[in-house]
C-alpha atoms as a PDB file:
ATOM      1  CA  UNK A   1     -23.702  18.943-117.220  1.00  0.00           C
ATOM      2  CA  UNK A   2     -24.367  15.956-119.765  1.00  0.00           C
ATOM      3  CA  UNK A   3     -26.947  13.169-118.285  1.00  0.00           C
ATOM      4  CA  UNK A   4     -28.231  10.136-119.539  1.00  0.00           C
ATOM      5  CA  UNK A   5     -31.514   8.216-118.867  1.00  0.00           C
ATOM      6  CA  UNK A   6     -31.709   7.202-115.221  1.00  0.00           C
ATOM      7  CA  UNK A   7     -30.637   3.600-114.865  1.00  0.00           C
ATOM      8  CA  UNK A   8     -32.218   1.387-111.638  1.00  0.00           C
ATOM      9  CA  UNK A   9     -33.632   4.793-110.259  1.00  0.00           C
ATOM     10  CA  UNK A  10     -30.160   6.452-110.515  1.00  0.00           C
ATOM     11  CA  UNK A  11     -29.094   9.466-111.803  1.00  0.00           C
ATOM     12  CA  UNK A  12     -26.175   8.970-114.393  1.00  0.00           C
ATOM     13  CA  UNK A  13     -23.887  12.230-115.430  1.00  0.00           C
ATOM     14  CA  UNK A  14     -20.780  13.877-116.541  1.00  0.00           C
ATOM     15  CA  UNK A  15     -19.434  16.847-115.010  1.00  0.00           C
ATOM     16  CA  UNK A  16     -18.224  19.687-117.224  1.00  0.00           C
ATOM     17  CA  UNK A  17     -15.063  20.343-115.529  1.00  0.00           C
ATOM     18  CA  UNK A  18     -13.065  17.144-115.055  1.00  0.00           C
ATOM     19  CA  UNK A  19      -9.635  18.883-114.156  1.00  0.00           C
ATOM     20  CA  UNK A  20      -6.681  19.812-116.560  1.00  0.00           C
ATOM     21  CA  UNK A  21      -5.463  17.422-117.938  1.00  0.00           C
ATOM     22  CA  UNK A  22      -8.888  15.820-118.113  1.00  0.00           C
ATOM     23  CA  UNK A  23      -9.422  12.712-115.980  1.00  0.00           C
ATOM     24  CA  UNK A  24      -9.653   9.302-118.061  1.00  0.00           C
ATOM     25  CA  UNK A  25     -13.371   8.369-118.871  1.00  0.00           C
ATOM     26  CA  UNK A  26     -15.586   7.837-115.904  1.00  0.00           C
ATOM     27  CA  UNK A  27     -19.272   8.773-115.042  1.00  0.00           C
ATOM     28  CA  UNK A  28     -21.056  10.043-111.838  1.00  0.00           C
ATOM     29  CA  UNK A  29     -23.908   8.222-110.032  1.00  0.00           C
ATOM     30  CA  UNK A  30     -26.654   9.473-107.477  1.00  0.00           C
ATOM     31  CA  UNK A  31     -29.621   8.698-105.990  1.00  0.00           C
ATOM     32  CA  UNK A  32     -30.265  12.366-105.443  1.00  0.00           C
ATOM     33  CA  UNK A  33     -29.383  15.766-106.847  1.00  0.00           C
ATOM     34  CA  UNK A  34     -26.048  15.634-108.794  1.00  0.00           C
ATOM     35  CA  UNK A  35     -22.961  16.969-106.735  1.00  0.00           C
ATOM     36  CA  UNK A  36     -19.301  16.595-106.569  1.00  0.00           C
ATOM     37  CA  UNK A  37     -19.537  14.025-103.994  1.00  0.00           C
ATOM     38  CA  UNK A  38     -21.527  11.841-106.219  1.00  0.00           C
ATOM     39  CA  UNK A  39     -20.484   8.049-106.908  1.00  0.00           C
ATOM     40  CA  UNK A  40     -17.677   7.700-109.362  1.00  0.00           C
ATOM     41  CA  UNK A  41     -17.053   4.898-111.694  1.00  0.00           C
ATOM     42  CA  UNK A  42     -14.032   4.867-113.904  1.00  0.00           C
ATOM     43  CA  UNK A  43     -15.035   3.130-117.341  1.00  0.00           C
ATOM     44  CA  UNK A  44     -12.041   0.540-118.385  1.00  0.00           C
ATOM     45  CA  UNK A  45     -10.648   0.063-121.860  1.00  0.00           C
ATOM     46  CA  UNK A  46     -12.523  -3.847-122.079  1.00  0.00           C
ATOM     47  CA  UNK A  47     -15.796  -2.057-121.125  1.00  0.00           C
ATOM     48  CA  UNK A  48     -16.125  -2.683-117.620  1.00  0.00           C
ATOM     49  CA  UNK A  49     -16.329  -0.288-114.715  1.00  0.00           C
ATOM     50  CA  UNK A  50     -14.585   0.142-111.511  1.00  0.00           C
ATOM     51  CA  UNK A  51     -15.732   1.790-108.379  1.00  0.00           C
ATOM     52  CA  UNK A  52     -13.643   4.898-108.028  1.00  0.00           C
ATOM     53  CA  UNK A  53     -15.446   6.354-105.148  1.00  0.00           C
ATOM     54  CA  UNK A  54     -18.363   6.043-103.346  1.00  0.00           C
ATOM     55  CA  UNK A  55     -19.412   9.645-102.369  1.00  0.00           C
ATOM     56  CA  UNK A  56     -23.083   8.878-102.377  1.00  0.00           C
ATOM     57  CA  UNK A  57     -22.845   6.259 -99.975  1.00  0.00           C
ATOM     58  CA  UNK A  58     -24.719   3.834-102.072  1.00  0.00           C
ATOM     59  CA  UNK A  59     -25.054   0.133-100.479  1.00  0.00           C
ATOM     60  CA  UNK A  60     -22.915  -2.565-101.390  1.00  0.00           C
ATOM     61  CA  UNK A  61     -26.058  -4.048-103.258  1.00  0.00           C
ATOM     62  CA  UNK A  62     -26.854  -1.003-105.069  1.00  0.00           C
ATOM     63  CA  UNK A  63     -23.044  -0.669-106.143  1.00  0.00           C
ATOM     64  CA  UNK A  64     -23.462  -4.395-107.205  1.00  0.00           C
ATOM     65  CA  UNK A  65     -26.552  -4.029-109.525  1.00  0.00           C
ATOM     66  CA  UNK A  66     -25.290  -0.611-110.651  1.00  0.00           C
ATOM     67  CA  UNK A  67     -21.957  -2.049-111.825  1.00  0.00           C
ATOM     68  CA  UNK A  68     -23.786  -4.768-113.779  1.00  0.00           C
ATOM     69  CA  UNK A  69     -26.151  -2.642-115.655  1.00  0.00           C
ATOM     70  CA  UNK A  70     -23.735   0.117-116.121  1.00  0.00           C
ATOM     71  CA  UNK A  71     -21.394  -2.113-118.074  1.00  0.00           C
ATOM     72  CA  UNK A  72     -24.222  -2.682-120.641  1.00  0.00           C
ATOM     73  CA  UNK A  73     -23.978   1.036-121.693  1.00  0.00           C
ATOM     74  CA  UNK A  74     -20.367   1.944-121.568  1.00  0.00           C
ATOM     75  CA  UNK A  75     -20.132   2.390-125.223  1.00  0.00           C
ATOM     76  CA  UNK A  76     -22.866   5.035-124.963  1.00  0.00           C
ATOM     77  CA  UNK A  77     -20.986   6.810-121.942  1.00  0.00           C
ATOM     78  CA  UNK A  78     -17.789   6.605-123.662  1.00  0.00           C
ATOM     79  CA  UNK A  79     -19.073   8.000-127.061  1.00  0.00           C
ATOM     80  CA  UNK A  80     -20.982  10.958-125.111  1.00  0.00           C
ATOM     81  CA  UNK A  81     -18.107  11.673-123.184  1.00  0.00           C
ATOM     82  CA  UNK A  82     -16.048  12.078-126.048  1.00  0.00           C
ATOM     83  CA  UNK A  83     -18.326  14.405-127.768  1.00  0.00           C
ATOM     84  CA  UNK A  84     -18.863  16.523-124.997  1.00  0.00           C
ATOM     85  CA  UNK A  85     -15.171  16.968-124.028  1.00  0.00           C
ATOM     86  CA  UNK A  86     -13.947  16.944-127.867  1.00  0.00           C
ATOM     87  CA  UNK A  87     -11.416  14.478-127.188  1.00  0.00           C
ATOM     88  CA  UNK A  88     -10.539  10.956-127.253  1.00  0.00           C
ATOM     89  CA  UNK A  89     -11.009   9.143-124.239  1.00  0.00           C
ATOM     90  CA  UNK A  90      -8.323   7.681-122.117  1.00  0.00           C
ATOM     91  CA  UNK A  91      -9.186   4.925-119.564  1.00  0.00           C
ATOM     92  CA  UNK A  92      -7.720   4.554-116.129  1.00  0.00           C
ATOM     93  CA  UNK A  93      -6.546   1.068-116.475  1.00  0.00           C
ATOM     94  CA  UNK A  94      -4.185   1.927-119.335  1.00  0.00           C
ATOM     95  CA  UNK A  95      -2.720   4.818-117.371  1.00  0.00           C
ATOM     96  CA  UNK A  96       0.907   4.777-116.261  1.00  0.00           C
END
């Protein structure tokens, strides 16, 4: 499971098994031990992020702070996501 340096005290990571077909580029965030129920953010094609699910039950304040901070690193997240999955990223906002 690839992970990134903590951001604002939260763990940022990518799951190894992301479905078949592979889901669009996204990251998971938790303030605890990484789990399948972690909060999930889609990475959009314009470098922004969009909340997909809040499985970690983070507060609105934390979600807002995280969203702004995550957007500073989306290029890093996408590059690592592509390298790990060995595929060019697709983006949630470009589906359908």
